[in-house]
N, C-alpha and C. Protein backbone atom coordinates (compact mmCIF):
# COMPACT_ATOMS: atom_id res chain seq x y z
N UNK A 1 -24.57 4.21 -22.85
CA UNK A 1 -26.02 4.26 -22.65
C UNK A 1 -26.29 4.36 -21.15
N UNK A 2 -26.85 5.42 -20.75
CA UNK A 2 -27.10 5.64 -19.33
C UNK A 2 -28.59 5.56 -19.03
N UNK A 3 -28.94 4.80 -18.01
CA UNK A 3 -30.31 4.75 -17.54
C UNK A 3 -31.26 3.91 -18.37
N UNK A 4 -30.76 3.16 -19.33
CA UNK A 4 -31.63 2.35 -20.17
C UNK A 4 -32.03 1.05 -19.49
N UNK A 5 -32.91 0.29 -20.12
CA UNK A 5 -33.32 -0.99 -19.54
C UNK A 5 -32.17 -2.00 -19.56
N UNK A 6 -32.20 -2.90 -18.61
CA UNK A 6 -31.17 -3.92 -18.55
C UNK A 6 -31.66 -5.20 -19.19
N UNK A 7 -30.74 -6.04 -19.60
CA UNK A 7 -31.10 -7.34 -20.16
C UNK A 7 -31.19 -7.30 -21.68
N UNK A 8 -31.13 -8.48 -22.24
CA UNK A 8 -31.19 -8.63 -23.70
C UNK A 8 -32.63 -8.89 -24.12
N UNK A 9 -32.99 -8.45 -25.29
CA UNK A 9 -34.36 -8.65 -25.78
C UNK A 9 -34.54 -10.02 -26.42
N UNK A 10 -33.49 -10.56 -27.01
CA UNK A 10 -33.51 -11.89 -27.62
C UNK A 10 -34.55 -12.04 -28.73
N UNK A 11 -34.92 -10.95 -29.38
CA UNK A 11 -35.91 -10.96 -30.47
C UNK A 11 -37.24 -11.57 -30.04
N UNK A 12 -37.62 -11.32 -28.79
CA UNK A 12 -38.88 -11.85 -28.25
C UNK A 12 -39.68 -10.69 -27.66
N UNK A 13 -40.99 -10.88 -27.58
CA UNK A 13 -41.82 -9.90 -26.89
C UNK A 13 -41.59 -10.06 -25.39
N UNK A 14 -42.02 -9.08 -24.63
CA UNK A 14 -41.82 -9.11 -23.19
C UNK A 14 -42.48 -10.32 -22.55
N UNK A 15 -43.72 -10.61 -22.94
CA UNK A 15 -44.43 -11.74 -22.35
C UNK A 15 -43.77 -13.06 -22.73
N UNK A 16 -43.29 -13.17 -23.97
CA UNK A 16 -42.62 -14.40 -24.40
C UNK A 16 -41.31 -14.58 -23.62
N UNK A 17 -40.57 -13.50 -23.45
CA UNK A 17 -39.30 -13.55 -22.73
C UNK A 17 -39.52 -13.95 -21.28
N UNK A 18 -40.52 -13.36 -20.63
CA UNK A 18 -40.83 -13.72 -19.23
C UNK A 18 -41.21 -15.18 -19.10
N UNK A 19 -42.06 -15.65 -20.00
CA UNK A 19 -42.49 -17.06 -19.97
C UNK A 19 -41.31 -17.99 -20.22
N UNK A 20 -40.45 -17.62 -21.15
CA UNK A 20 -39.29 -18.45 -21.47
C UNK A 20 -38.36 -18.56 -20.27
N UNK A 21 -38.07 -17.43 -19.61
CA UNK A 21 -37.17 -17.48 -18.46
C UNK A 21 -37.83 -18.13 -17.25
N UNK A 22 -39.17 -18.05 -17.14
CA UNK A 22 -39.86 -18.76 -16.08
C UNK A 22 -39.68 -20.27 -16.28
N UNK A 23 -39.84 -20.71 -17.51
CA UNK A 23 -39.70 -22.13 -17.82
C UNK A 23 -38.25 -22.59 -17.64
N UNK A 24 -37.29 -21.82 -18.16
CA UNK A 24 -35.88 -22.21 -18.03
C UNK A 24 -35.42 -22.23 -16.58
N UNK A 25 -35.83 -21.24 -15.80
CA UNK A 25 -35.42 -21.22 -14.39
C UNK A 25 -36.07 -22.36 -13.61
N UNK A 26 -37.31 -22.68 -13.92
CA UNK A 26 -37.98 -23.82 -13.27
C UNK A 26 -37.23 -25.11 -13.59
N UNK A 27 -36.84 -25.28 -14.85
CA UNK A 27 -36.12 -26.48 -15.26
C UNK A 27 -34.75 -26.55 -14.59
N UNK A 28 -34.05 -25.42 -14.52
CA UNK A 28 -32.73 -25.41 -13.90
C UNK A 28 -32.82 -25.71 -12.40
N UNK A 29 -33.78 -25.12 -11.71
CA UNK A 29 -33.91 -25.37 -10.28
C UNK A 29 -34.35 -26.81 -9.99
N UNK A 30 -35.15 -27.36 -10.88
CA UNK A 30 -35.63 -28.74 -10.69
C UNK A 30 -34.53 -29.76 -11.00
N UNK A 31 -33.87 -29.62 -12.16
CA UNK A 31 -32.89 -30.61 -12.60
C UNK A 31 -31.45 -30.24 -12.23
N UNK A 32 -31.22 -29.00 -11.86
CA UNK A 32 -29.93 -28.46 -11.46
C UNK A 32 -28.92 -28.40 -12.61
N UNK A 33 -29.36 -28.62 -13.84
CA UNK A 33 -28.49 -28.49 -15.00
C UNK A 33 -29.37 -28.45 -16.25
N UNK A 34 -28.96 -27.67 -17.25
CA UNK A 34 -29.69 -27.66 -18.51
C UNK A 34 -28.77 -27.14 -19.61
N UNK A 35 -29.16 -27.43 -20.86
CA UNK A 35 -28.41 -26.97 -22.03
C UNK A 35 -29.29 -25.97 -22.77
N UNK A 36 -28.73 -24.79 -23.04
CA UNK A 36 -29.44 -23.75 -23.77
C UNK A 36 -28.41 -22.91 -24.52
N UNK A 37 -28.87 -21.95 -25.30
CA UNK A 37 -27.93 -21.10 -26.02
C UNK A 37 -27.14 -20.24 -25.04
N UNK A 38 -25.98 -19.81 -25.45
CA UNK A 38 -25.10 -19.06 -24.57
C UNK A 38 -25.74 -17.74 -24.13
N UNK A 39 -26.41 -17.06 -25.03
CA UNK A 39 -27.04 -15.78 -24.70
C UNK A 39 -28.15 -15.96 -23.67
N UNK A 40 -28.98 -16.98 -23.85
CA UNK A 40 -30.05 -17.24 -22.88
C UNK A 40 -29.46 -17.66 -21.54
N UNK A 41 -28.37 -18.40 -21.57
CA UNK A 41 -27.72 -18.83 -20.33
C UNK A 41 -27.23 -17.64 -19.52
N UNK A 42 -26.66 -16.65 -20.19
CA UNK A 42 -26.16 -15.47 -19.50
C UNK A 42 -27.29 -14.67 -18.87
N UNK A 43 -28.43 -14.59 -19.53
CA UNK A 43 -29.57 -13.89 -18.95
C UNK A 43 -30.23 -14.71 -17.85
N UNK A 44 -30.27 -16.02 -18.04
CA UNK A 44 -30.88 -16.91 -17.04
C UNK A 44 -30.14 -16.85 -15.72
N UNK A 45 -28.83 -16.65 -15.78
CA UNK A 45 -28.02 -16.58 -14.57
C UNK A 45 -28.57 -15.54 -13.59
N UNK A 46 -28.89 -14.35 -14.07
CA UNK A 46 -29.37 -13.31 -13.17
C UNK A 46 -30.73 -13.64 -12.58
N UNK A 47 -31.60 -14.29 -13.36
CA UNK A 47 -32.92 -14.67 -12.87
C UNK A 47 -32.78 -15.69 -11.74
N UNK A 48 -31.96 -16.71 -11.95
CA UNK A 48 -31.81 -17.79 -10.97
C UNK A 48 -31.09 -17.30 -9.71
N UNK A 49 -30.10 -16.43 -9.89
CA UNK A 49 -29.37 -15.93 -8.72
C UNK A 49 -30.29 -15.12 -7.82
N UNK A 50 -31.19 -14.33 -8.41
CA UNK A 50 -32.16 -13.58 -7.59
C UNK A 50 -33.09 -14.52 -6.84
N UNK A 51 -33.52 -15.60 -7.50
CA UNK A 51 -34.42 -16.55 -6.84
C UNK A 51 -33.72 -17.26 -5.68
N UNK A 52 -32.49 -17.65 -5.86
CA UNK A 52 -31.77 -18.34 -4.78
C UNK A 52 -31.53 -17.39 -3.61
N UNK A 53 -31.28 -16.12 -3.91
CA UNK A 53 -31.14 -15.14 -2.84
C UNK A 53 -32.45 -14.98 -2.08
N UNK A 54 -33.58 -15.03 -2.78
CA UNK A 54 -34.89 -15.02 -2.10
C UNK A 54 -35.02 -16.24 -1.21
N UNK A 55 -34.59 -17.40 -1.71
CA UNK A 55 -34.66 -18.63 -0.93
C UNK A 55 -33.83 -18.56 0.32
N UNK A 56 -32.67 -17.92 0.24
CA UNK A 56 -31.80 -17.79 1.40
C UNK A 56 -32.41 -16.88 2.45
N UNK A 57 -33.25 -15.93 2.03
CA UNK A 57 -33.92 -15.04 2.97
C UNK A 57 -34.85 -15.86 3.87
N UNK A 58 -35.62 -16.78 3.29
CA UNK A 58 -36.39 -17.74 4.04
C UNK A 58 -37.66 -17.22 4.69
N UNK A 59 -38.01 -15.96 4.52
CA UNK A 59 -39.21 -15.44 5.16
C UNK A 59 -40.46 -15.81 4.35
N UNK A 60 -41.60 -15.62 4.97
CA UNK A 60 -42.86 -15.91 4.30
C UNK A 60 -43.06 -15.00 3.09
N UNK A 61 -42.66 -13.74 3.24
CA UNK A 61 -42.78 -12.79 2.13
C UNK A 61 -41.92 -13.25 0.95
N UNK A 62 -40.70 -13.71 1.23
CA UNK A 62 -39.81 -14.19 0.17
C UNK A 62 -40.41 -15.42 -0.51
N UNK A 63 -41.01 -16.31 0.27
CA UNK A 63 -41.63 -17.51 -0.30
C UNK A 63 -42.79 -17.13 -1.22
N UNK A 64 -43.60 -16.17 -0.79
CA UNK A 64 -44.74 -15.74 -1.61
C UNK A 64 -44.27 -15.06 -2.90
N UNK A 65 -43.19 -14.28 -2.81
CA UNK A 65 -42.65 -13.64 -4.01
C UNK A 65 -42.13 -14.69 -4.98
N UNK A 66 -41.47 -15.72 -4.46
CA UNK A 66 -40.94 -16.78 -5.32
C UNK A 66 -42.08 -17.56 -5.99
N UNK A 67 -43.14 -17.82 -5.26
CA UNK A 67 -44.29 -18.53 -5.84
C UNK A 67 -44.95 -17.66 -6.90
N UNK A 68 -45.04 -16.35 -6.66
CA UNK A 68 -45.64 -15.45 -7.64
C UNK A 68 -44.83 -15.42 -8.92
N UNK A 69 -43.51 -15.49 -8.81
CA UNK A 69 -42.66 -15.45 -9.99
C UNK A 69 -42.64 -16.81 -10.68
N UNK A 70 -42.49 -17.89 -9.95
CA UNK A 70 -42.31 -19.21 -10.55
C UNK A 70 -43.61 -19.95 -10.81
N UNK A 71 -44.63 -19.76 -10.02
CA UNK A 71 -45.92 -20.41 -10.18
C UNK A 71 -45.82 -21.93 -10.14
N UNK A 72 -44.86 -22.45 -9.40
CA UNK A 72 -44.71 -23.89 -9.26
C UNK A 72 -44.27 -24.17 -7.82
N UNK A 73 -45.19 -24.62 -7.00
CA UNK A 73 -44.90 -24.77 -5.58
C UNK A 73 -43.86 -25.84 -5.29
N UNK A 74 -43.79 -26.88 -6.10
CA UNK A 74 -42.80 -27.94 -5.86
C UNK A 74 -41.38 -27.40 -6.04
N UNK A 75 -41.17 -26.59 -7.06
CA UNK A 75 -39.85 -26.02 -7.29
C UNK A 75 -39.50 -25.01 -6.20
N UNK A 76 -40.49 -24.22 -5.77
CA UNK A 76 -40.25 -23.25 -4.69
C UNK A 76 -39.94 -23.98 -3.39
N UNK A 77 -40.61 -25.09 -3.14
CA UNK A 77 -40.32 -25.88 -1.94
C UNK A 77 -38.89 -26.39 -1.97
N UNK A 78 -38.46 -26.89 -3.14
CA UNK A 78 -37.07 -27.36 -3.27
C UNK A 78 -36.10 -26.20 -3.10
N UNK A 79 -36.46 -25.05 -3.64
CA UNK A 79 -35.60 -23.86 -3.52
C UNK A 79 -35.37 -23.50 -2.06
N UNK A 80 -36.42 -23.52 -1.25
CA UNK A 80 -36.31 -23.10 0.14
C UNK A 80 -35.77 -24.19 1.06
N UNK A 81 -36.04 -25.46 0.76
CA UNK A 81 -35.62 -26.53 1.69
C UNK A 81 -34.30 -27.19 1.32
N UNK A 82 -33.97 -27.26 0.02
CA UNK A 82 -32.76 -27.96 -0.41
C UNK A 82 -31.68 -26.99 -0.87
N UNK A 83 -32.04 -26.11 -1.79
CA UNK A 83 -31.03 -25.26 -2.43
C UNK A 83 -30.56 -24.12 -1.52
N UNK A 84 -31.47 -23.46 -0.83
CA UNK A 84 -31.07 -22.33 0.03
C UNK A 84 -30.09 -22.75 1.12
N UNK A 85 -30.33 -23.87 1.84
CA UNK A 85 -29.32 -24.28 2.83
C UNK A 85 -27.98 -24.66 2.20
N UNK A 86 -28.00 -25.20 0.98
CA UNK A 86 -26.76 -25.57 0.31
C UNK A 86 -25.90 -24.33 0.03
N UNK A 87 -26.55 -23.21 -0.30
CA UNK A 87 -25.82 -22.00 -0.64
C UNK A 87 -25.78 -20.99 0.51
N UNK A 88 -26.05 -21.43 1.72
CA UNK A 88 -26.11 -20.50 2.86
C UNK A 88 -24.78 -19.78 3.08
N UNK A 89 -23.67 -20.45 2.85
CA UNK A 89 -22.37 -19.84 3.08
C UNK A 89 -21.83 -19.04 1.91
N UNK A 90 -22.54 -19.02 0.78
CA UNK A 90 -22.07 -18.30 -0.41
C UNK A 90 -22.73 -16.94 -0.51
N UNK A 91 -21.98 -15.97 -0.98
CA UNK A 91 -22.52 -14.62 -1.17
C UNK A 91 -23.06 -14.40 -2.58
N UNK A 92 -22.85 -15.33 -3.47
CA UNK A 92 -23.31 -15.20 -4.85
C UNK A 92 -22.60 -16.23 -5.70
N UNK A 93 -22.82 -16.16 -7.00
CA UNK A 93 -22.17 -17.10 -7.90
C UNK A 93 -22.68 -18.51 -7.73
N UNK A 94 -24.00 -18.67 -7.78
CA UNK A 94 -24.62 -19.98 -7.56
C UNK A 94 -24.66 -20.82 -8.83
N UNK A 95 -24.41 -20.21 -9.99
CA UNK A 95 -24.48 -20.94 -11.25
C UNK A 95 -23.14 -20.92 -11.96
N UNK A 96 -22.96 -21.89 -12.82
CA UNK A 96 -21.76 -21.97 -13.66
C UNK A 96 -22.21 -22.20 -15.10
N UNK A 97 -21.62 -21.45 -16.02
CA UNK A 97 -21.93 -21.60 -17.45
C UNK A 97 -20.70 -22.19 -18.13
N UNK A 98 -20.89 -23.34 -18.78
CA UNK A 98 -19.80 -24.04 -19.48
C UNK A 98 -20.15 -24.07 -20.96
N UNK A 99 -19.26 -23.58 -21.79
CA UNK A 99 -19.47 -23.63 -23.23
C UNK A 99 -19.48 -25.10 -23.67
N UNK A 100 -20.47 -25.47 -24.49
CA UNK A 100 -20.66 -26.88 -24.81
C UNK A 100 -20.27 -27.19 -26.26
N UNK A 101 -21.02 -26.70 -27.23
CA UNK A 101 -20.73 -26.95 -28.64
C UNK A 101 -21.59 -26.01 -29.48
N UNK A 102 -21.42 -26.09 -30.78
CA UNK A 102 -22.27 -25.33 -31.69
C UNK A 102 -23.41 -26.22 -32.18
N UNK A 103 -24.60 -25.66 -32.24
CA UNK A 103 -25.75 -26.40 -32.74
C UNK A 103 -25.61 -26.56 -34.24
N UNK A 104 -25.76 -27.77 -34.77
CA UNK A 104 -25.53 -28.00 -36.20
C UNK A 104 -26.47 -27.20 -37.11
N UNK A 105 -27.72 -27.01 -36.72
CA UNK A 105 -28.68 -26.39 -37.62
C UNK A 105 -28.40 -24.92 -37.90
N UNK A 106 -28.05 -24.15 -36.86
CA UNK A 106 -27.84 -22.72 -37.06
C UNK A 106 -26.52 -22.21 -36.49
N UNK A 107 -25.67 -23.12 -36.04
CA UNK A 107 -24.35 -22.79 -35.51
C UNK A 107 -24.40 -21.90 -34.27
N UNK A 108 -25.52 -21.95 -33.53
CA UNK A 108 -25.61 -21.18 -32.28
C UNK A 108 -24.77 -21.87 -31.21
N UNK A 109 -24.07 -21.07 -30.42
CA UNK A 109 -23.24 -21.62 -29.36
C UNK A 109 -24.12 -22.09 -28.21
N UNK A 110 -24.03 -23.36 -27.87
CA UNK A 110 -24.78 -23.93 -26.76
C UNK A 110 -23.92 -23.98 -25.51
N UNK A 111 -24.54 -23.79 -24.37
CA UNK A 111 -23.85 -23.81 -23.10
C UNK A 111 -24.62 -24.67 -22.11
N UNK A 112 -23.89 -25.23 -21.16
CA UNK A 112 -24.50 -25.97 -20.06
C UNK A 112 -24.54 -25.03 -18.87
N UNK A 113 -25.71 -24.90 -18.27
CA UNK A 113 -25.87 -24.08 -17.07
C UNK A 113 -26.08 -25.05 -15.92
N UNK A 114 -25.25 -24.93 -14.88
CA UNK A 114 -25.34 -25.82 -13.72
C UNK A 114 -25.34 -25.02 -12.45
N UNK A 115 -25.97 -25.57 -11.43
CA UNK A 115 -25.86 -24.99 -10.11
C UNK A 115 -24.54 -25.48 -9.52
N UNK A 116 -23.83 -24.59 -8.84
CA UNK A 116 -22.54 -24.91 -8.25
C UNK A 116 -22.76 -25.85 -7.08
N UNK A 117 -21.87 -26.81 -6.91
CA UNK A 117 -22.00 -27.76 -5.79
C UNK A 117 -21.59 -27.14 -4.49
C-alpha cells in the first residue's frame, strides 16, 4: 500500500480516536505510566514521542502547538520543564511498552506503557 494514511483506525471515528489519544497521552505524561491494550499502546507511542520532541525544542511556537494539541496547561508545563530536560540527551525512544497480561473479559492483550528513565 503506497501513499495511504498512517495509523490504525481501532474501529473508532476520527474525532473519537483523537479524543482517546489526547486523553491517553495526557495520562501518560502526567503519571509517566499507564495500562492499555497493546494496539492502543503502539499507536500512543508515536503521539507521545512527537510531543516530547516538541518539548525538547522549547520554543514559544512549540509550547503553543503542544497546548493546542493537549489542551491541558499543567501537563504541557511538566512536558517542557521536567520531561524535556530529562530526555535532552536522547534522540528518540522515550517510551517503553511491556506486555502485561490478557484481559479476562475479552482476552485482549494489555500492555504497560512507561516513559524511559
